[in-house]
């Protein structure tokens, strides 16, 4: 019987694994990648979509364009039968059963807006391209609303933006928001600069705890120089339409709250009824799920022990490194050879603090400002598939460095008459909120 490897998830880890296996799989071995989305999202670039420094299509890559020999199935996996090695996926053509010999779980986590009371009703998450566009449109709506508002207190509240979380996403989106507001202000002559403000709340003693303390402090200085108010040791206790309540008393005013904290396990992991740790599926050092033959996991959904025993951080760098080791282990398993344990030494970490600014640590070298920002963009440009796509994005990125951010309010809606006349004749995948 022809061996069949199925990968569930089209993120960094899943696509990197498929591309590496394609080049090395023996003849006759089938490879299928199943993903609910037809694109891979470069999540670290979402903050730049919020700040209109890049276009939405520049932070996604079509999965079909990344694969050569693999079969791609666009669908949402709803059930996994590990005993009979079969999964069910809801596709555009209805449910489909797919049998496998080896199954790799490579999907990400979901936003957890139940972490703090009121987040689900009043906070905006940042996990998808649609989220980034929604936040950007909300900012533009706030600016337009301020111009029409006469009450000074209400104007200040509408112009106040609160970001919860001082990790990579929080720091990056706070810097992007500050730059975007400053750049857009020239097109809203009835809005004053002092009526706008960005506050970053972090429940910790310093920003970017994953980086050395000096770089966390450099990121804070960079944000504050852009007018961002950074509040350390400030834990959100509740969110409302007026702002964020803080644990221990006090509050921060803001009509727009962006949440970058809190994740929960993908429902598919929970459906497997396997023990989880911090919402992630523990795996053996060779990335095999213990106790279940033919089941493997990597990326954000997996709790992968590194060579030193510590769990790997859920970053693109580690997901790609895990994909390389897992590809070797799958090939070794097909040959009946022993597998090897995962071990990876981080080459460094990077974060932006706004347009043309960032902090980075690369092999012990610490950078800040423009060099760190250029390094950050270069890294993600290298991850983009195909030479043509790399060149086009590089040209557009270089061009955008010389001009102000775009303030176009993008709305993805159909003509109302077409919507009214259309009949739901085909089953559809779960839709994302429109923006």
Protein backbone atom coordinates (compact mmCIF):
# COMPACT_ATOMS: atom_id res chain seq x y z
CA UNK A 1 0.00 0.00 0.00
CA UNK A 2 1.29 3.48 -0.88
CA UNK A 3 2.30 5.39 2.27
CA UNK A 4 0.38 8.63 2.77
CA UNK A 5 1.59 11.56 4.87
CA UNK A 6 -1.01 14.21 5.76
CA UNK A 7 -0.14 17.62 7.20
CA UNK A 8 -2.90 19.65 8.86
CA UNK A 9 -2.12 23.36 8.94
CA UNK A 10 -0.72 25.77 6.36
CA UNK A 11 1.36 28.02 8.60
CA UNK A 12 5.14 28.37 8.79
CA UNK A 13 5.67 24.87 10.17
CA UNK A 14 3.24 23.02 7.90
CA UNK A 15 4.39 24.59 4.64
CA UNK A 16 8.08 24.33 5.57
CA UNK A 17 7.59 20.64 6.31
CA UNK A 18 5.75 20.00 3.04
CA UNK A 19 8.36 21.82 0.96
CA UNK A 20 11.22 19.92 2.58
CA UNK A 21 9.50 16.56 2.18
CA UNK A 22 8.67 17.25 -1.47
CA UNK A 23 12.36 17.39 -2.34
CA UNK A 24 13.21 14.14 -0.60
CA UNK A 25 10.22 11.80 -0.59
CA UNK A 26 10.75 8.42 -2.28
CA UNK A 27 8.70 7.61 -5.35
CA UNK A 28 5.20 6.43 -4.52
CA UNK A 29 4.83 8.23 -1.20
CA UNK A 30 1.81 10.55 -1.18
CA UNK A 31 1.85 13.93 0.56
CA UNK A 32 -1.26 15.99 1.32
CA UNK A 33 -1.53 19.34 3.08
CA UNK A 34 -4.94 20.31 4.50
CA UNK A 35 -5.57 23.90 5.53
CA UNK A 36 -8.66 25.96 6.23
CA UNK A 37 -6.96 28.93 4.59
CA UNK A 38 -5.49 28.98 1.08
CA UNK A 39 -2.63 31.20 2.22
CA UNK A 40 0.11 31.26 4.82
CA UNK A 41 -0.02 34.39 6.96
CA UNK A 42 3.23 35.98 8.08
CA UNK A 43 1.82 37.00 11.46
CA UNK A 44 4.79 39.15 12.58
CA UNK A 45 3.95 41.51 9.69
CA UNK A 46 0.33 42.05 10.76
CA UNK A 47 1.24 45.11 12.81
CA UNK A 48 2.57 46.73 9.63
CA UNK A 49 -0.79 46.07 7.97
CA UNK A 50 -2.42 47.89 10.90
CA UNK A 51 -0.07 50.83 10.31
CA UNK A 52 -0.54 50.67 6.52
CA UNK A 53 3.21 50.25 6.01
CA UNK A 54 2.53 47.20 3.84
CA UNK A 55 -0.41 46.00 1.80
CA UNK A 56 -2.41 42.99 3.04
CA UNK A 57 -1.33 40.79 0.14
CA UNK A 58 2.31 41.34 1.13
CA UNK A 59 1.91 39.40 4.39
CA UNK A 60 0.31 36.30 2.90
CA UNK A 61 1.60 33.70 0.46
CA UNK A 62 -0.62 31.32 -1.57
CA UNK A 63 -0.03 27.77 -0.39
CA UNK A 64 -0.51 26.37 -3.89
CA UNK A 65 2.32 28.60 -5.06
CA UNK A 66 4.60 27.12 -2.40
CA UNK A 67 3.99 23.45 -3.24
CA UNK A 68 5.09 21.39 -6.25
CA UNK A 69 4.34 17.69 -5.69
CA UNK A 70 1.95 17.82 -2.75
CA UNK A 71 -1.80 17.72 -2.97
CA UNK A 72 -3.46 20.71 -1.32
CA UNK A 73 -6.94 20.38 0.17
CA UNK A 74 -8.63 23.56 1.34
CA UNK A 75 -10.79 22.48 4.23
CA UNK A 76 -11.32 22.53 7.97
CA UNK A 77 -10.49 19.28 9.75
CA UNK A 78 -13.35 18.50 12.11
CA UNK A 79 -12.48 15.01 13.33
CA UNK A 80 -9.47 12.71 13.63
CA UNK A 81 -9.88 8.97 14.11
CA UNK A 82 -6.44 7.94 15.36
CA UNK A 83 -7.43 4.28 15.68
CA UNK A 84 -8.34 3.87 12.02
CA UNK A 85 -5.95 6.62 10.85
CA UNK A 86 -8.60 8.69 9.14
CA UNK A 87 -9.61 12.32 9.34
CA UNK A 88 -12.68 14.22 8.17
CA UNK A 89 -12.44 17.65 6.58
CA UNK A 90 -15.23 20.07 5.73
CA UNK A 91 -14.43 21.35 2.23
CA UNK A 92 -16.17 23.53 -0.35
CA UNK A 93 -17.55 20.31 -1.86
CA UNK A 94 -18.80 19.01 1.48
CA UNK A 95 -17.23 16.62 4.01
CA UNK A 96 -14.34 14.45 2.85
CA UNK A 97 -12.62 11.54 4.58
CA UNK A 98 -8.85 11.28 4.16
CA UNK A 99 -6.89 8.22 5.23
CA UNK A 100 -3.30 8.54 6.36
CA UNK A 101 -0.31 6.56 7.53
CA UNK A 102 1.35 9.51 9.23
CA UNK A 103 -0.51 12.61 10.40
CA UNK A 104 1.26 15.84 11.34
CA UNK A 105 -0.61 18.48 13.33
CA UNK A 106 0.88 21.85 12.39
CA UNK A 107 -1.85 24.39 13.04
CA UNK A 108 -1.74 27.39 15.32
CA UNK A 109 -3.63 28.48 18.39
CA UNK A 110 -6.74 30.65 18.62
CA UNK A 111 -7.26 33.96 20.38
CA UNK A 112 -8.61 33.67 23.92
CA UNK A 113 -10.78 36.69 24.58
CA UNK A 114 -12.26 35.11 27.70
CA UNK A 115 -9.03 35.72 29.58
CA UNK A 116 -10.24 39.09 30.91
CA UNK A 117 -13.89 40.09 31.43
CA UNK A 118 -15.15 42.30 28.62
CA UNK A 119 -12.45 41.49 26.07
CA UNK A 120 -14.78 39.42 23.89
CA UNK A 121 -17.25 42.29 23.65
CA UNK A 122 -14.93 45.28 23.48
CA UNK A 123 -11.40 44.25 22.43
CA UNK A 124 -9.98 43.66 18.95
CA UNK A 125 -7.67 40.63 18.55
CA UNK A 126 -4.76 40.51 16.12
CA UNK A 127 -4.36 37.00 14.70
CA UNK A 128 -5.45 37.26 11.05
CA UNK A 129 -5.07 39.64 8.12
CA UNK A 130 -8.76 40.44 8.53
CA UNK A 131 -8.10 41.46 12.14
CA UNK A 132 -5.34 43.83 11.04
CA UNK A 133 -7.55 45.44 8.40
CA UNK A 134 -10.42 45.71 10.86
CA UNK A 135 -8.20 47.54 13.37
CA UNK A 136 -6.89 49.90 10.70
CA UNK A 137 -10.42 50.67 9.52
CA UNK A 138 -11.49 51.25 13.11
CA UNK A 139 -8.68 53.79 13.55
CA UNK A 140 -9.78 55.65 10.41
CA UNK A 141 -13.38 55.58 11.60
CA UNK A 142 -12.34 57.05 14.94
CA UNK A 143 -10.50 59.90 13.24
CA UNK A 144 -13.51 60.67 11.05
CA UNK A 145 -15.80 60.54 14.07
CA UNK A 146 -13.59 62.92 16.07
CA UNK A 147 -13.92 65.52 13.33
CA UNK A 148 -17.70 65.42 13.75
CA UNK A 149 -17.70 65.38 17.57
CA UNK A 150 -18.04 68.62 19.55
CA UNK A 151 -17.62 67.33 23.11
CA UNK A 152 -13.90 67.64 24.09
CA UNK A 153 -14.04 64.70 26.54
CA UNK A 154 -15.63 62.43 23.97
CA UNK A 155 -13.07 63.51 21.37
CA UNK A 156 -10.21 62.52 23.68
CA UNK A 157 -11.83 59.18 24.44
CA UNK A 158 -12.31 58.42 20.73
CA UNK A 159 -8.69 59.35 20.09
CA UNK A 160 -7.31 57.10 22.84
CA UNK A 161 -6.10 53.64 21.82
CA UNK A 162 -5.10 50.95 24.33
CA UNK A 163 -2.93 47.95 23.50
CA UNK A 164 -2.86 45.08 26.01
CA UNK A 165 0.34 43.04 26.09
CA UNK A 166 4.01 44.00 25.98
CA UNK A 167 5.28 41.02 24.01
CA UNK A 168 6.29 41.08 20.36
CA UNK A 169 2.78 41.67 18.96
CA UNK A 170 1.88 44.33 21.53
CA UNK A 171 5.07 46.33 21.07
CA UNK A 172 4.85 46.14 17.28
CA UNK A 173 1.21 47.14 17.00
CA UNK A 174 1.62 50.00 19.51
CA UNK A 175 4.48 51.45 17.47
CA UNK A 176 2.60 50.95 14.21
CA UNK A 177 -0.51 52.66 15.61
CA UNK A 178 1.47 55.66 16.85
CA UNK A 179 3.13 56.12 13.47
CA UNK A 180 -0.11 55.65 11.57
CA UNK A 181 -1.95 58.21 13.68
CA UNK A 182 0.82 60.74 13.27
CA UNK A 183 0.97 60.20 9.50
CA UNK A 184 -2.80 60.28 9.01
CA UNK A 185 -3.28 63.45 11.04
CA UNK A 186 -2.42 65.69 8.08
CA UNK A 187 -5.54 64.45 6.28
CA UNK A 188 -7.82 65.23 9.22
CA UNK A 189 -7.35 68.98 9.78
CA UNK A 190 -10.04 69.16 12.47
CA UNK A 191 -8.25 66.66 14.69
CA UNK A 192 -5.49 67.92 16.99
CA UNK A 193 -2.41 65.86 17.83
CA UNK A 194 -3.03 66.22 21.57
CA UNK A 195 -6.42 64.52 21.13
CA UNK A 196 -4.74 61.29 20.04
CA UNK A 197 -2.78 58.83 22.15
CA UNK A 198 -1.63 55.20 22.36
CA UNK A 199 -1.17 53.42 25.69
CA UNK A 200 0.60 50.07 26.02
CA UNK A 201 -0.27 47.99 29.09
CA UNK A 202 2.08 45.21 30.16
CA UNK A 203 1.76 42.99 33.22
CA UNK A 204 5.48 42.69 33.79
CA UNK A 205 8.55 44.68 34.83
CA UNK A 206 9.79 45.26 31.25
CA UNK A 207 8.77 44.93 27.64
CA UNK A 208 9.77 42.01 25.41
CA UNK A 209 10.73 39.60 28.20
CA UNK A 210 12.01 37.10 25.59
CA UNK A 211 14.82 39.52 24.66
CA UNK A 212 17.74 40.77 26.79
CA UNK A 213 16.80 43.47 29.26
CA UNK A 214 18.78 46.14 27.38
CA UNK A 215 16.73 45.55 24.21
CA UNK A 216 13.46 45.64 26.15
CA UNK A 217 14.49 48.99 27.55
CA UNK A 218 15.53 50.18 24.08
CA UNK A 219 12.10 49.20 22.75
CA UNK A 220 10.43 51.15 25.55
CA UNK A 221 12.51 54.25 24.80
CA UNK A 222 11.69 53.97 21.11
CA UNK A 223 7.96 53.71 21.78
CA UNK A 224 7.97 56.59 24.23
CA UNK A 225 9.83 58.78 21.72
CA UNK A 226 6.89 58.17 19.38
CA UNK A 227 4.43 59.33 22.01
CA UNK A 228 3.32 55.90 23.25
CA UNK A 229 2.55 55.83 26.96
CA UNK A 230 4.07 52.61 28.33
CA UNK A 231 2.66 51.32 31.63
CA UNK A 232 4.56 48.42 33.14
CA UNK A 233 3.17 46.23 35.91
CA UNK A 234 -0.32 47.13 34.69
CA UNK A 235 -2.61 44.10 34.48
CA UNK A 236 -5.93 44.44 32.72
CA UNK A 237 -8.84 43.38 34.92
CA UNK A 238 -11.70 44.27 32.59
CA UNK A 239 -12.56 45.99 29.33
CA UNK A 240 -15.50 48.17 28.41
CA UNK A 241 -16.56 50.63 25.75
CA UNK A 242 -14.83 53.39 27.76
CA UNK A 243 -11.45 51.70 28.26
CA UNK A 244 -9.61 49.18 30.42
CA UNK A 245 -9.93 48.68 34.18
CA UNK A 246 -6.69 47.78 35.96
CA UNK A 247 -6.11 45.26 38.70
CA UNK A 248 -5.58 47.05 41.99
CA UNK A 249 -7.66 50.02 40.95
CA UNK A 250 -7.59 52.70 38.32
CA UNK A 251 -8.35 52.57 34.63
CA UNK A 252 -7.08 53.68 31.24
CA UNK A 253 -9.44 55.58 28.99
CA UNK A 254 -9.78 54.43 25.39
CA UNK A 255 -12.59 53.77 22.96
CA UNK A 256 -10.46 51.26 21.05
CA UNK A 257 -8.76 48.32 22.78
CA UNK A 258 -6.40 45.97 20.94
CA UNK A 259 -5.66 42.66 22.67
CA UNK A 260 -2.43 40.76 21.93
CA UNK A 261 -2.48 38.41 24.95
CA UNK A 262 -4.21 35.12 25.54
CA UNK A 263 -4.33 32.00 23.39
CA UNK A 264 -6.36 28.83 23.58
CA UNK A 265 -5.95 25.44 22.01
CA UNK A 266 -7.38 24.68 18.61
CA UNK A 267 -10.66 22.76 19.06
CA UNK A 268 -9.19 19.89 17.06
CA UNK A 269 -6.51 19.31 19.71
CA UNK A 270 -9.18 19.29 22.40
CA UNK A 271 -11.21 16.78 20.35
CA UNK A 272 -8.31 14.28 20.51
CA UNK A 273 -8.82 14.04 24.29
CA UNK A 274 -5.08 14.08 24.89
CA UNK A 275 -3.42 15.79 27.87
CA UNK A 276 -2.51 19.40 27.17
CA UNK A 277 -0.04 21.74 28.82
CA UNK A 278 -0.80 25.44 28.58
CA UNK A 279 -3.13 24.66 25.69
CA UNK A 280 -0.43 22.85 23.69
CA UNK A 281 0.06 19.17 22.88
CA UNK A 282 3.20 17.72 24.53
CA UNK A 283 5.38 15.73 22.13
CA UNK A 284 8.46 13.53 22.48
CA UNK A 285 11.89 14.95 21.58
CA UNK A 286 11.54 13.55 18.03
CA UNK A 287 8.14 15.40 17.70
CA UNK A 288 6.09 12.20 17.92
CA UNK A 289 2.89 12.34 20.00
CA UNK A 290 3.47 9.72 22.73
CA UNK A 291 1.17 6.74 22.77
CA UNK A 292 -0.33 7.22 19.30
CA UNK A 293 1.34 5.57 16.32
CA UNK A 294 1.64 7.74 13.23
CA UNK A 295 0.78 11.02 14.97
CA UNK A 296 3.25 13.92 15.06
CA UNK A 297 3.01 17.62 15.92
CA UNK A 298 5.03 20.82 15.57
CA UNK A 299 4.61 24.57 15.69
CA UNK A 300 2.29 26.58 17.92
CA UNK A 301 -0.03 23.67 18.74
CA UNK A 302 2.82 21.50 20.06
CA UNK A 303 4.83 21.73 23.27
CA UNK A 304 8.22 20.73 21.87
CA UNK A 305 11.16 20.16 24.24
CA UNK A 306 14.37 21.75 23.01
CA UNK A 307 17.78 20.17 23.47
CA UNK A 308 18.14 21.77 26.90
CA UNK A 309 14.75 20.44 28.03
CA UNK A 310 13.00 23.83 27.99
CA UNK A 311 9.89 24.15 25.79
CA UNK A 312 10.38 25.90 22.46
CA UNK A 313 8.84 29.35 22.04
CA UNK A 314 5.96 29.52 19.52
CA UNK A 315 7.89 31.50 16.89
CA UNK A 316 8.34 31.13 13.14
CA UNK A 317 12.06 30.44 13.56
CA UNK A 318 11.44 27.43 15.79
CA UNK A 319 8.53 26.15 13.67
CA UNK A 320 10.75 26.08 10.57
CA UNK A 321 13.56 24.38 12.53
CA UNK A 322 11.10 21.78 13.83
CA UNK A 323 9.89 21.16 10.28
CA UNK A 324 13.43 20.31 9.17
CA UNK A 325 13.90 17.75 11.95
CA UNK A 326 10.43 16.26 11.53
CA UNK A 327 10.98 15.81 7.79
CA UNK A 328 14.15 13.85 8.56
CA UNK A 329 12.32 11.78 11.17
CA UNK A 330 9.41 10.94 8.85
CA UNK A 331 11.82 9.80 6.15
CA UNK A 332 13.76 7.78 8.71
CA UNK A 333 10.55 6.14 9.92
CA UNK A 334 9.60 5.19 6.36
CA UNK A 335 13.02 3.51 6.01
CA UNK A 336 12.78 1.85 9.41
CA UNK A 337 15.72 3.91 10.70
CA UNK A 338 15.94 5.59 14.14
CA UNK A 339 14.74 9.16 14.59
CA UNK A 340 16.63 12.02 16.21
CA UNK A 341 15.68 14.50 18.91
CA UNK A 342 14.94 18.12 18.12
CA UNK A 343 17.50 20.67 19.21
CA UNK A 344 17.82 24.21 17.97
CA UNK A 345 19.82 27.19 19.12
CA UNK A 346 18.04 30.46 18.47
CA UNK A 347 19.82 32.64 15.95
CA UNK A 348 18.23 35.68 17.49
CA UNK A 349 14.95 37.52 17.96
CA UNK A 350 13.62 40.75 16.52
CA UNK A 351 10.76 43.19 16.95
CA UNK A 352 9.74 46.46 15.35
CA UNK A 353 8.81 49.51 17.38
CA UNK A 354 7.34 51.47 14.48
CA UNK A 355 8.20 52.42 10.94
CA UNK A 356 11.98 52.23 10.32
CA UNK A 357 12.63 51.35 13.98
CA UNK A 358 13.23 48.08 15.79
CA UNK A 359 15.33 46.03 18.20
CA UNK A 360 17.14 42.77 17.48
CA UNK A 361 19.56 40.25 18.90
CA UNK A 362 21.45 38.17 16.35
CA UNK A 363 24.07 35.67 17.53
CA UNK A 364 24.91 37.88 20.51
CA UNK A 365 24.95 41.08 18.45
CA UNK A 366 22.40 43.61 19.70
CA UNK A 367 20.93 46.15 17.30
CA UNK A 368 18.33 48.88 17.57
CA UNK A 369 16.81 51.50 15.33
CA UNK A 370 16.98 51.32 11.53
CA UNK A 371 19.53 48.43 11.28
CA UNK A 372 17.30 46.19 13.41
CA UNK A 373 14.23 47.12 11.36
CA UNK A 374 16.00 46.36 8.06
CA UNK A 375 17.22 43.01 9.43
CA UNK A 376 13.69 42.18 10.57
CA UNK A 377 12.21 42.85 7.14
CA UNK A 378 15.03 41.01 5.34
CA UNK A 379 14.39 37.87 7.39
CA UNK A 380 10.71 37.69 6.49
CA UNK A 381 11.40 38.59 2.88
CA UNK A 382 13.68 35.53 2.67
CA UNK A 383 10.82 33.34 3.92
CA UNK A 384 8.55 34.46 1.08
CA UNK A 385 8.10 31.82 -1.65
CA UNK A 386 9.30 32.25 -5.26
CA UNK A 387 11.85 34.74 -6.55
CA UNK A 388 9.23 36.76 -8.41
CA UNK A 389 7.22 37.35 -5.24
CA UNK A 390 10.34 38.33 -3.30
CA UNK A 391 11.38 40.90 -5.92
CA UNK A 392 7.90 42.42 -6.20
CA UNK A 393 7.51 42.78 -2.44
CA UNK A 394 11.04 44.17 -2.06
CA UNK A 395 10.32 46.86 -4.67
CA UNK A 396 7.01 47.80 -3.02
CA UNK A 397 8.56 47.87 0.45
CA UNK A 398 11.43 50.06 -0.75
CA UNK A 399 9.02 52.40 -2.53
CA UNK A 400 6.80 52.73 0.56
CA UNK A 401 9.74 53.83 2.73
CA UNK A 402 9.71 57.18 0.90
CA UNK A 403 6.00 57.98 1.19
CA UNK A 404 3.40 58.41 3.90
CA UNK A 405 1.06 55.59 4.91
CA UNK A 406 -2.07 54.92 2.89
CA UNK A 407 -5.30 55.99 4.62
CA UNK A 408 -7.64 54.09 2.32
CA UNK A 409 -10.55 52.59 4.23
CA UNK A 410 -10.85 49.12 2.70
CA UNK A 411 -14.28 47.53 2.94
CA UNK A 412 -14.85 44.02 1.63
CA UNK A 413 -18.56 43.90 0.94
CA UNK A 414 -20.67 42.83 -2.02
CA UNK A 415 -23.25 44.86 -3.87
CA UNK A 416 -26.38 44.69 -1.65
CA UNK A 417 -28.59 43.70 -4.58
CA UNK A 418 -26.30 40.76 -5.36
CA UNK A 419 -26.37 39.59 -1.77
CA UNK A 420 -30.16 39.81 -1.66
CA UNK A 421 -30.59 37.72 -4.81
CA UNK A 422 -27.87 35.15 -4.12
CA UNK A 423 -29.02 31.77 -2.85
CA UNK A 424 -26.88 29.64 -0.54
CA UNK A 425 -26.55 26.80 -3.04
CA UNK A 426 -23.11 25.54 -1.94
CA UNK A 427 -21.77 24.55 1.45
CA UNK A 428 -19.19 27.03 2.60
CA UNK A 429 -16.31 27.03 4.96
CA UNK A 430 -16.78 29.11 8.12
CA UNK A 431 -16.47 32.75 7.11
CA UNK A 432 -14.35 35.44 8.69
CA UNK A 433 -15.86 38.72 9.90
CA UNK A 434 -16.06 41.34 7.16
CA UNK A 435 -14.16 44.56 7.57
